[in-house]
Amino acid sequence: MVAGFATWWPLGLAVLALWKGGRLAGSRGGFGMPGQPAAVTGNTAFDAHRAAVLQRLAVERRALDDQQREFGAFLDQLKRARDREEFDRFMQGRGPAGT
C-alpha cells in the first residue's frame, strides 16, 4: 500500500482528500460536528429536548468564553503590576539620576 501511494501519489492525495471530506468515510453530520446540521431522529420530543440541551450548552459555552477572557485580562493586569514593581525596584537600586 505504501509503495502504491509512493508510485501513484496524486491518486493517493485525491483519495485522502475525499476521505477527509467525508465522502468516502460515510460520515454523517451529527453531534459534536460544528457547522454541520444535526440529524433529526423523527421523535419530536427527543428532538426538542436535544435542541434545548444544545441551546443551554451554547449559553454555558459563551459564559465560559467570557470568564476565560476576563481571567486573561486579570492575568495581564497582574503581570503589568509585577513588571512595574520590578522596574521600580530596579530604578531605586540604581541610585540618583542614573549613576
PDB file of N, CA and C in Angstrom:
ATOM      1  N   MET A   1       0.821  -1.181   0.000  1.00  0.00           N
ATOM      2  CA  MET A   1       0.000   0.000   0.000  1.00  0.00           C
ATOM      3  C   MET A   1       0.873   1.256   0.000  1.00  0.00           C
ATOM      4  N   VAL A   2       1.917   1.274   0.815  1.00  0.00           N
ATOM      5  CA  VAL A   2       2.803   2.434   0.868  1.00  0.00           C
ATOM      6  C   VAL A   2       3.521   2.611  -0.462  1.00  0.00           C
ATOM      7  N   ALA A   3       3.973   1.495  -1.055  1.00  0.00           N
ATOM      8  CA  ALA A   3       4.652   1.579  -2.353  1.00  0.00           C
ATOM      9  C   ALA A   3       3.694   2.092  -3.419  1.00  0.00           C
ATOM     10  N   GLY A   4       2.443   1.666  -3.364  1.00  0.00           N
ATOM     11  CA  GLY A   4       1.443   2.159  -4.315  1.00  0.00           C
ATOM     12  C   GLY A   4       1.189   3.643  -4.135  1.00  0.00           C
ATOM     13  N   PHE A   5       1.139   4.084  -2.887  1.00  0.00           N
ATOM     14  CA  PHE A   5       0.941   5.511  -2.622  1.00  0.00           C
ATOM     15  C   PHE A   5       2.133   6.316  -3.117  1.00  0.00           C
ATOM     16  N   ALA A   6       3.347   5.777  -2.918  1.00  0.00           N
ATOM     17  CA  ALA A   6       4.551   6.479  -3.367  1.00  0.00           C
ATOM     18  C   ALA A   6       4.587   6.556  -4.885  1.00  0.00           C
ATOM     19  N   THR A   7       4.122   5.496  -5.563  1.00  0.00           N
ATOM     20  CA  THR A   7       4.144   5.474  -7.025  1.00  0.00           C
ATOM     21  C   THR A   7       3.040   6.347  -7.607  1.00  0.00           C
ATOM     22  N   TRP A   8       1.859   6.249  -7.061  1.00  0.00           N
ATOM     23  CA  TRP A   8       0.702   6.974  -7.582  1.00  0.00           C
ATOM     24  C   TRP A   8       0.239   8.019  -6.567  1.00  0.00           C
ATOM     25  N   TRP A   9       1.138   8.866  -6.113  1.00  0.00           N
ATOM     26  CA  TRP A   9       0.829   9.806  -5.046  1.00  0.00           C
ATOM     27  C   TRP A   9      -0.293  10.792  -5.385  1.00  0.00           C
ATOM     28  N   PRO A  10      -0.458  11.236  -6.655  1.00  0.00           N
ATOM     29  CA  PRO A  10      -1.587  12.148  -6.904  1.00  0.00           C
ATOM     30  C   PRO A  10      -2.941  11.481  -6.632  1.00  0.00           C
ATOM     31  N   LEU A  11      -3.050  10.217  -7.025  1.00  0.00           N
ATOM     32  CA  LEU A  11      -4.291   9.492  -6.763  1.00  0.00           C
ATOM     33  C   LEU A  11      -4.473   9.291  -5.256  1.00  0.00           C
ATOM     34  N   GLY A  12      -3.387   8.988  -4.558  1.00  0.00           N
ATOM     35  CA  GLY A  12      -3.454   8.820  -3.112  1.00  0.00           C
ATOM     36  C   GLY A  12      -3.891  10.093  -2.407  1.00  0.00           C
ATOM     37  N   LEU A  13      -3.375  11.235  -2.861  1.00  0.00           N
ATOM     38  CA  LEU A  13      -3.785  12.508  -2.262  1.00  0.00           C
ATOM     39  C   LEU A  13      -5.256  12.793  -2.527  1.00  0.00           C
ATOM     40  N   ALA A  14      -5.714  12.458  -3.734  1.00  0.00           N
ATOM     41  CA  ALA A  14      -7.127  12.659  -4.051  1.00  0.00           C
ATOM     42  C   ALA A  14      -8.009  11.790  -3.157  1.00  0.00           C
ATOM     43  N   VAL A  15      -7.612  10.538  -2.955  1.00  0.00           N
ATOM     44  CA  VAL A  15      -8.380   9.645  -2.085  1.00  0.00           C
ATOM     45  C   VAL A  15      -8.383  10.174  -0.654  1.00  0.00           C
ATOM     46  N   LEU A  16      -7.245  10.648  -0.173  1.00  0.00           N
ATOM     47  CA  LEU A  16      -7.191  11.201   1.185  1.00  0.00           C
ATOM     48  C   LEU A  16      -8.079  12.436   1.316  1.00  0.00           C
ATOM     49  N   ALA A  17      -8.075  13.284   0.284  1.00  0.00           N
ATOM     50  CA  ALA A  17      -8.908  14.486   0.323  1.00  0.00           C
ATOM     51  C   ALA A  17     -10.387  14.114   0.360  1.00  0.00           C
ATOM     52  N   LEU A  18     -10.782  13.146  -0.453  1.00  0.00           N
ATOM     53  CA  LEU A  18     -12.178  12.711  -0.435  1.00  0.00           C
ATOM     54  C   LEU A  18     -12.535  12.065   0.897  1.00  0.00           C
ATOM     55  N   TRP A  19     -11.617  11.280   1.429  1.00  0.00           N
ATOM     56  CA  TRP A  19     -11.858  10.591   2.688  1.00  0.00           C
ATOM     57  C   TRP A  19     -11.995  11.593   3.829  1.00  0.00           C
ATOM     58  N   LYS A  20     -11.099  12.587   3.868  1.00  0.00           N
ATOM     59  CA  LYS A  20     -11.149  13.611   4.910  1.00  0.00           C
ATOM     60  C   LYS A  20     -12.421  14.437   4.789  1.00  0.00           C
ATOM     61  N   GLY A  21     -12.846  14.669   3.557  1.00  0.00           N
ATOM     62  CA  GLY A  21     -14.067  15.435   3.341  1.00  0.00           C
ATOM     63  C   GLY A  21     -15.325  14.690   3.750  1.00  0.00           C
ATOM     64  N   GLY A  22     -15.214  13.402   4.009  1.00  0.00           N
ATOM     65  CA  GLY A  22     -16.346  12.628   4.470  1.00  0.00           C
ATOM     66  C   GLY A  22     -17.089  11.917   3.364  1.00  0.00           C
ATOM     67  N   ARG A  23     -16.693  12.104   2.125  1.00  0.00           N
ATOM     68  CA  ARG A  23     -17.419  11.476   1.028  1.00  0.00           C
ATOM     69  C   ARG A  23     -17.206   9.970   1.006  1.00  0.00           C
ATOM     70  N   LEU A  24     -16.001   9.521   1.341  1.00  0.00           N
ATOM     71  CA  LEU A  24     -15.733   8.091   1.331  1.00  0.00           C
ATOM     72  C   LEU A  24     -15.863   7.463   2.706  1.00  0.00           C
ATOM     73  N   ALA A  25     -15.833   8.268   3.742  1.00  0.00           N
ATOM     74  CA  ALA A  25     -15.884   7.728   5.098  1.00  0.00           C
ATOM     75  C   ALA A  25     -17.301   7.349   5.499  1.00  0.00           C
ATOM     76  N   GLY A  26     -18.285   7.830   4.758  1.00  0.00           N
ATOM     77  CA  GLY A  26     -19.662   7.524   5.107  1.00  0.00           C
ATOM     78  C   GLY A  26     -20.120   8.262   6.352  1.00  0.00           C
ATOM     79  N   SER A  27     -19.447   9.351   6.681  1.00  0.00           N
ATOM     80  CA  SER A  27     -19.802  10.079   7.893  1.00  0.00           C
ATOM     81  C   SER A  27     -21.009  10.957   7.631  1.00  0.00           C
ATOM     82  N   ARG A  28     -21.805  11.090   8.670  1.00  0.00           N
ATOM     83  CA  ARG A  28     -22.955  11.967   8.597  1.00  0.00           C
ATOM     84  C   ARG A  28     -22.719  13.095   9.575  1.00  0.00           C
ATOM     85  N   GLY A  29     -23.325  14.234   9.296  1.00  0.00           N
ATOM     86  CA  GLY A  29     -23.258  15.315  10.263  1.00  0.00           C
ATOM     87  C   GLY A  29     -23.971  14.869  11.517  1.00  0.00           C
ATOM     88  N   GLY A  30     -23.362  15.101  12.645  1.00  0.00           N
ATOM     89  CA  GLY A  30     -24.002  14.646  13.868  1.00  0.00           C
ATOM     90  C   GLY A  30     -23.532  15.425  15.058  1.00  0.00           C
ATOM     91  N   PHE A  31     -23.748  14.858  16.194  1.00  0.00           N
ATOM     92  CA  PHE A  31     -23.408  15.510  17.451  1.00  0.00           C
ATOM     93  C   PHE A  31     -21.919  15.778  17.522  1.00  0.00           C
ATOM     94  N   GLY A  32     -21.557  16.979  17.909  1.00  0.00           N
ATOM     95  CA  GLY A  32     -20.158  17.319  18.064  1.00  0.00           C
ATOM     96  C   GLY A  32     -19.474  17.735  16.777  1.00  0.00           C
ATOM     97  N   MET A  33     -20.229  17.926  15.719  1.00  0.00           N
ATOM     98  CA  MET A  33     -19.654  18.338  14.444  1.00  0.00           C
ATOM     99  C   MET A  33     -20.068  19.783  14.186  1.00  0.00           C
ATOM    100  N   PRO A  34     -19.252  20.749  14.594  1.00  0.00           N
ATOM    101  CA  PRO A  34     -19.638  22.140  14.425  1.00  0.00           C
ATOM    102  C   PRO A  34     -19.813  22.490  12.956  1.00  0.00           C
ATOM    103  N   GLY A  35     -20.820  23.289  12.684  1.00  0.00           N
ATOM    104  CA  GLY A  35     -21.044  23.757  11.333  1.00  0.00           C
ATOM    105  C   GLY A  35     -21.839  22.793  10.473  1.00  0.00           C
ATOM    106  N   GLN A  36     -22.162  21.630  10.995  1.00  0.00           N
ATOM    107  CA  GLN A  36     -22.948  20.677  10.231  1.00  0.00           C
ATOM    108  C   GLN A  36     -24.305  20.519  10.906  1.00  0.00           C
ATOM    109  N   PRO A  37     -25.362  20.348  10.116  1.00  0.00           N
ATOM    110  CA  PRO A  37     -26.688  20.233  10.717  1.00  0.00           C
ATOM    111  C   PRO A  37     -26.820  18.955  11.538  1.00  0.00           C
ATOM    112  N   ALA A  38     -27.587  19.052  12.597  1.00  0.00           N
ATOM    113  CA  ALA A  38     -27.805  17.895  13.462  1.00  0.00           C
ATOM    114  C   ALA A  38     -28.797  16.948  12.801  1.00  0.00           C
ATOM    115  N   ALA A  39     -28.604  15.676  13.015  1.00  0.00           N
ATOM    116  CA  ALA A  39     -29.504  14.676  12.458  1.00  0.00           C
ATOM    117  C   ALA A  39     -30.829  14.709  13.212  1.00  0.00           C
ATOM    118  N   VAL A  40     -31.916  14.555  12.499  1.00  0.00           N
ATOM    119  CA  VAL A  40     -33.241  14.512  13.100  1.00  0.00           C
ATOM    120  C   VAL A  40     -33.594  13.052  13.327  1.00  0.00           C
ATOM    121  N   THR A  41     -34.066  12.747  14.539  1.00  0.00           N
ATOM    122  CA  THR A  41     -34.367  11.354  14.873  1.00  0.00           C
ATOM    123  C   THR A  41     -35.764  10.946  14.446  1.00  0.00           C
ATOM    124  N   GLY A  42     -36.650  11.900  14.270  1.00  0.00           N
ATOM    125  CA  GLY A  42     -38.033  11.572  13.958  1.00  0.00           C
ATOM    126  C   GLY A  42     -38.910  11.596  15.197  1.00  0.00           C
ATOM    127  N   ASN A  43     -38.317  11.582  16.378  1.00  0.00           N
ATOM    128  CA  ASN A  43     -39.053  11.668  17.631  1.00  0.00           C
ATOM    129  C   ASN A  43     -39.046  13.130  18.051  1.00  0.00           C
ATOM    130  N   THR A  44     -40.205  13.778  17.939  1.00  0.00           N
ATOM    131  CA  THR A  44     -40.259  15.219  18.185  1.00  0.00           C
ATOM    132  C   THR A  44     -39.905  15.576  19.623  1.00  0.00           C
ATOM    133  N   ALA A  45     -40.289  14.733  20.575  1.00  0.00           N
ATOM    134  CA  ALA A  45     -39.973  15.030  21.976  1.00  0.00           C
ATOM    135  C   ALA A  45     -38.469  14.995  22.198  1.00  0.00           C
ATOM    136  N   PHE A  46     -37.808  13.979  21.661  1.00  0.00           N
ATOM    137  CA  PHE A  46     -36.358  13.891  21.823  1.00  0.00           C
ATOM    138  C   PHE A  46     -35.660  15.020  21.078  1.00  0.00           C
ATOM    139  N   ASP A  47     -36.124  15.324  19.866  1.00  0.00           N
ATOM    140  CA  ASP A  47     -35.508  16.408  19.098  1.00  0.00           C
ATOM    141  C   ASP A  47     -35.641  17.739  19.829  1.00  0.00           C
ATOM    142  N   ALA A  48     -36.801  17.987  20.458  1.00  0.00           N
ATOM    143  CA  ALA A  48     -36.993  19.222  21.221  1.00  0.00           C
ATOM    144  C   ALA A  48     -36.078  19.241  22.440  1.00  0.00           C
ATOM    145  N   HIS A  49     -35.977  18.106  23.126  1.00  0.00           N
ATOM    146  CA  HIS A  49     -35.088  18.008  24.294  1.00  0.00           C
ATOM    147  C   HIS A  49     -33.642  18.254  23.877  1.00  0.00           C
ATOM    148  N   ARG A  50     -33.247  17.637  22.794  1.00  0.00           N
ATOM    149  CA  ARG A  50     -31.874  17.787  22.305  1.00  0.00           C
ATOM    150  C   ARG A  50     -31.583  19.239  21.938  1.00  0.00           C
ATOM    151  N   ALA A  51     -32.528  19.880  21.256  1.00  0.00           N
ATOM    152  CA  ALA A  51     -32.343  21.287  20.885  1.00  0.00           C
ATOM    153  C   ALA A  51     -32.213  22.158  22.131  1.00  0.00           C
ATOM    154  N   ALA A  52     -33.022  21.875  23.161  1.00  0.00           N
ATOM    155  CA  ALA A  52     -32.954  22.660  24.396  1.00  0.00           C
ATOM    156  C   ALA A  52     -31.617  22.460  25.100  1.00  0.00           C
ATOM    157  N   VAL A  53     -31.147  21.221  25.149  1.00  0.00           N
ATOM    158  CA  VAL A  53     -29.860  20.939  25.799  1.00  0.00           C
ATOM    159  C   VAL A  53     -28.726  21.597  25.029  1.00  0.00           C
ATOM    160  N   LEU A  54     -28.754  21.509  23.705  1.00  0.00           N
ATOM    161  CA  LEU A  54     -27.698  22.137  22.902  1.00  0.00           C
ATOM    162  C   LEU A  54     -27.718  23.652  23.059  1.00  0.00           C
ATOM    163  N   GLN A  55     -28.907  24.237  23.165  1.00  0.00           N
ATOM    164  CA  GLN A  55     -29.013  25.680  23.382  1.00  0.00           C
ATOM    165  C   GLN A  55     -28.423  26.049  24.741  1.00  0.00           C
ATOM    166  N   ARG A  56     -28.750  25.258  25.774  1.00  0.00           N
ATOM    167  CA  ARG A  56     -28.208  25.520  27.117  1.00  0.00           C
ATOM    168  C   ARG A  56     -26.690  25.405  27.120  1.00  0.00           C
ATOM    169  N   LEU A  57     -26.170  24.402  26.435  1.00  0.00           N
ATOM    170  CA  LEU A  57     -24.720  24.234  26.354  1.00  0.00           C
ATOM    171  C   LEU A  57     -24.067  25.397  25.613  1.00  0.00           C
ATOM    172  N   ALA A  58     -24.725  25.901  24.585  1.00  0.00           N
ATOM    173  CA  ALA A  58     -24.177  27.047  23.855  1.00  0.00           C
ATOM    174  C   ALA A  58     -24.103  28.274  24.761  1.00  0.00           C
ATOM    175  N   VAL A  59     -25.133  28.466  25.589  1.00  0.00           N
ATOM    176  CA  VAL A  59     -25.128  29.594  26.530  1.00  0.00           C
ATOM    177  C   VAL A  59     -24.003  29.421  27.545  1.00  0.00           C
ATOM    178  N   GLU A  60     -23.847  28.198  28.067  1.00  0.00           N
ATOM    179  CA  GLU A  60     -22.766  27.936  29.021  1.00  0.00           C
ATOM    180  C   GLU A  60     -21.407  28.145  28.371  1.00  0.00           C
ATOM    181  N   ARG A  61     -21.279  27.755  27.115  1.00  0.00           N
ATOM    182  CA  ARG A  61     -20.006  27.928  26.403  1.00  0.00           C
ATOM    183  C   ARG A  61     -19.662  29.411  26.271  1.00  0.00           C
ATOM    184  N   ARG A  62     -20.668  30.219  25.928  1.00  0.00           N
ATOM    185  CA  ARG A  62     -20.414  31.662  25.825  1.00  0.00           C
ATOM    186  C   ARG A  62     -20.009  32.232  27.181  1.00  0.00           C
ATOM    187  N   ALA A  63     -20.657  31.768  28.263  1.00  0.00           N
ATOM    188  CA  ALA A  63     -20.307  32.244  29.605  1.00  0.00           C
ATOM    189  C   ALA A  63     -18.880  31.840  29.958  1.00  0.00           C
ATOM    190  N   LEU A  64     -18.498  30.616  29.621  1.00  0.00           N
ATOM    191  CA  LEU A  64     -17.123  30.175  29.885  1.00  0.00           C
ATOM    192  C   LEU A  64     -16.116  30.978  29.064  1.00  0.00           C
ATOM    193  N   ASP A  65     -16.456  31.279  27.816  1.00  0.00           N
ATOM    194  CA  ASP A  65     -15.567  32.095  26.988  1.00  0.00           C
ATOM    195  C   ASP A  65     -15.387  33.484  27.598  1.00  0.00           C
ATOM    196  N   ASP A  66     -16.486  34.055  28.112  1.00  0.00           N
ATOM    197  CA  ASP A  66     -16.393  35.364  28.767  1.00  0.00           C
ATOM    198  C   ASP A  66     -15.506  35.291  30.007  1.00  0.00           C
ATOM    199  N   GLN A  67     -15.678  34.242  30.812  1.00  0.00           N
ATOM    200  CA  GLN A  67     -14.851  34.080  32.006  1.00  0.00           C
ATOM    201  C   GLN A  67     -13.383  33.915  31.637  1.00  0.00           C
ATOM    202  N   GLN A  68     -13.124  33.195  30.568  1.00  0.00           N
ATOM    203  CA  GLN A  68     -11.739  32.997  30.138  1.00  0.00           C
ATOM    204  C   GLN A  68     -11.118  34.326  29.710  1.00  0.00           C
ATOM    205  N   ARG A  69     -11.875  35.141  28.981  1.00  0.00           N
ATOM    206  CA  ARG A  69     -11.372  36.460  28.587  1.00  0.00           C
ATOM    207  C   ARG A  69     -11.103  37.331  29.810  1.00  0.00           C
ATOM    208  N   GLU A  70     -12.043  37.316  30.773  1.00  0.00           N
ATOM    209  CA  GLU A  70     -11.865  38.111  31.991  1.00  0.00           C
ATOM    210  C   GLU A  70     -10.637  37.652  32.771  1.00  0.00           C
ATOM    211  N   PHE A  71     -10.446  36.346  32.864  1.00  0.00           N
ATOM    212  CA  PHE A  71      -9.288  35.826  33.589  1.00  0.00           C
ATOM    213  C   PHE A  71      -7.998  36.192  32.865  1.00  0.00           C
ATOM    214  N   GLY A  72      -8.004  36.145  31.547  1.00  0.00           N
ATOM    215  CA  GLY A  72      -6.828  36.556  30.780  1.00  0.00           C
ATOM    216  C   GLY A  72      -6.489  38.019  31.030  1.00  0.00           C
ATOM    217  N   ALA A  73      -7.524  38.868  31.083  1.00  0.00           N
ATOM    218  CA  ALA A  73      -7.300  40.285  31.373  1.00  0.00           C
ATOM    219  C   ALA A  73      -6.755  40.460  32.787  1.00  0.00           C
ATOM    220  N   PHE A  74      -7.268  39.678  33.735  1.00  0.00           N
ATOM    221  CA  PHE A  74      -6.779  39.727  35.110  1.00  0.00           C
ATOM    222  C   PHE A  74      -5.306  39.334  35.172  1.00  0.00           C
ATOM    223  N   LEU A  75      -4.933  38.261  34.466  1.00  0.00           N
ATOM    224  CA  LEU A  75      -3.532  37.836  34.453  1.00  0.00           C
ATOM    225  C   LEU A  75      -2.637  38.895  33.815  1.00  0.00           C
ATOM    226  N   ASP A  76      -3.124  39.537  32.757  1.00  0.00           N
ATOM    227  CA  ASP A  76      -2.351  40.614  32.134  1.00  0.00           C
ATOM    228  C   ASP A  76      -2.140  41.765  33.111  1.00  0.00           C
ATOM    229  N   GLN A  77      -3.189  42.096  33.861  1.00  0.00           N
ATOM    230  CA  GLN A  77      -3.081  43.169  34.846  1.00  0.00           C
ATOM    231  C   GLN A  77      -2.068  42.799  35.931  1.00  0.00           C
ATOM    232  N   LEU A  78      -2.101  41.548  36.396  1.00  0.00           N
ATOM    233  CA  LEU A  78      -1.124  41.104  37.396  1.00  0.00           C
ATOM    234  C   LEU A  78       0.296  41.186  36.859  1.00  0.00           C
ATOM    235  N   LYS A  79       0.485  40.781  35.613  1.00  0.00           N
ATOM    236  CA  LYS A  79       1.818  40.820  35.016  1.00  0.00           C
ATOM    237  C   LYS A  79       2.318  42.257  34.897  1.00  0.00           C
ATOM    238  N   ARG A  80       1.431  43.165  34.469  1.00  0.00           N
ATOM    239  CA  ARG A  80       1.836  44.574  34.374  1.00  0.00           C
ATOM    240  C   ARG A  80       2.217  45.121  35.745  1.00  0.00           C
ATOM    241  N   ALA A  81       1.446  44.781  36.775  1.00  0.00           N
ATOM    242  CA  ALA A  81       1.750  45.258  38.129  1.00  0.00           C
ATOM    243  C   ALA A  81       3.076  44.683  38.616  1.00  0.00           C
ATOM    244  N   ARG A  82       3.311  43.398  38.351  1.00  0.00           N
ATOM    245  CA  ARG A  82       4.573  42.767  38.753  1.00  0.00           C
ATOM    246  C   ARG A  82       5.744  43.402  38.000  1.00  0.00           C
ATOM    247  N   ASP A  83       5.569  43.630  36.707  1.00  0.00           N
ATOM    248  CA  ASP A  83       6.631  44.262  35.925  1.00  0.00           C
ATOM    249  C   ASP A  83       6.929  45.669  36.438  1.00  0.00           C
ATOM    250  N   ARG A  84       5.868  46.421  36.763  1.00  0.00           N
ATOM    251  CA  ARG A  84       6.054  47.787  37.273  1.00  0.00           C
ATOM    252  C   ARG A  84       6.810  47.740  38.598  1.00  0.00           C
ATOM    253  N   GLU A  85       6.446  46.804  39.468  1.00  0.00           N
ATOM    254  CA  GLU A  85       7.114  46.678  40.766  1.00  0.00           C
ATOM    255  C   GLU A  85       8.592  46.327  40.586  1.00  0.00           C
ATOM    256  N   GLU A  86       8.890  45.398  39.701  1.00  0.00           N
ATOM    257  CA  GLU A  86      10.284  45.016  39.457  1.00  0.00           C
ATOM    258  C   GLU A  86      11.072  46.178  38.863  1.00  0.00           C
ATOM    259  N   PHE A  87      10.442  46.916  37.948  1.00  0.00           N
ATOM    260  CA  PHE A  87      11.125  48.059  37.347  1.00  0.00           C
ATOM    261  C   PHE A  87      11.393  49.138  38.395  1.00  0.00           C
ATOM    262  N   ASP A  88      10.395  49.421  39.234  1.00  0.00           N
ATOM    263  CA  ASP A  88      10.587  50.431  40.283  1.00  0.00           C
ATOM    264  C   ASP A  88      11.697  50.015  41.240  1.00  0.00           C
ATOM    265  N   ARG A  89      11.754  48.727  41.597  1.00  0.00           N
ATOM    266  CA  ARG A  89      12.818  48.224  42.459  1.00  0.00           C
ATOM    267  C   ARG A  89      14.176  48.398  41.781  1.00  0.00           C
ATOM    268  N   PHE A  90      14.239  48.124  40.493  1.00  0.00           N
ATOM    269  CA  PHE A  90      15.481  48.299  39.739  1.00  0.00           C
ATOM    270  C   PHE A  90      15.916  49.764  39.750  1.00  0.00           C
ATOM    271  N   MET A  91      14.968  50.652  39.503  1.00  0.00           N
ATOM    272  CA  MET A  91      15.307  52.076  39.453  1.00  0.00           C
ATOM    273  C   MET A  91      15.765  52.581  40.822  1.00  0.00           C
ATOM    274  N   GLN A  92      15.175  52.089  41.898  1.00  0.00           N
ATOM    275  CA  GLN A  92      15.602  52.502  43.234  1.00  0.00           C
ATOM    276  C   GLN A  92      17.008  52.003  43.535  1.00  0.00           C
ATOM    277  N   GLY A  93      17.358  50.840  43.031  1.00  0.00           N
ATOM    278  CA  GLY A  93      18.682  50.273  43.273  1.00  0.00           C
ATOM    279  C   GLY A  93      19.774  50.956  42.473  1.00  0.00           C
ATOM    280  N   ARG A  94      19.411  51.672  41.423  1.00  0.00           N
ATOM    281  CA  ARG A  94      20.405  52.328  40.576  1.00  0.00           C
ATOM    282  C   ARG A  94      20.983  53.577  41.223  1.00  0.00           C
ATOM    283  N   GLY A  95      20.275  54.187  42.080  1.00  0.00           N
ATOM    284  CA  GLY A  95      20.771  55.417  42.685  1.00  0.00           C
ATOM    285  C   GLY A  95      20.190  56.627  41.976  1.00  0.00           C
ATOM    286  N   PRO A  96      20.610  57.816  42.395  1.00  0.00           N
ATOM    287  CA  PRO A  96      20.034  59.047  41.830  1.00  0.00           C
ATOM    288  C   PRO A  96      20.525  59.318  40.411  1.00  0.00           C
ATOM    289  N   ALA A  97      19.603  59.655  39.551  1.00  0.00           N
ATOM    290  CA  ALA A  97      19.851  60.152  38.182  1.00  0.00           C
ATOM    291  C   ALA A  97      20.835  59.311  37.395  1.00  0.00           C
ATOM    292  N   GLY A  98      20.684  58.001  37.401  1.00  0.00           N
ATOM    293  CA  GLY A  98      21.465  57.130  36.524  1.00  0.00           C
ATOM    294  C   GLY A  98      22.927  57.010  36.859  1.00  0.00           C
ATOM    295  N   THR A  99      23.293  57.132  38.119  1.00  0.00           N
ATOM    296  CA  THR A  99      24.712  56.989  38.478  1.00  0.00           C
ATOM    297  C   THR A  99      25.084  55.567  38.718  1.00  0.00           C
TER     298      THR A  99
END
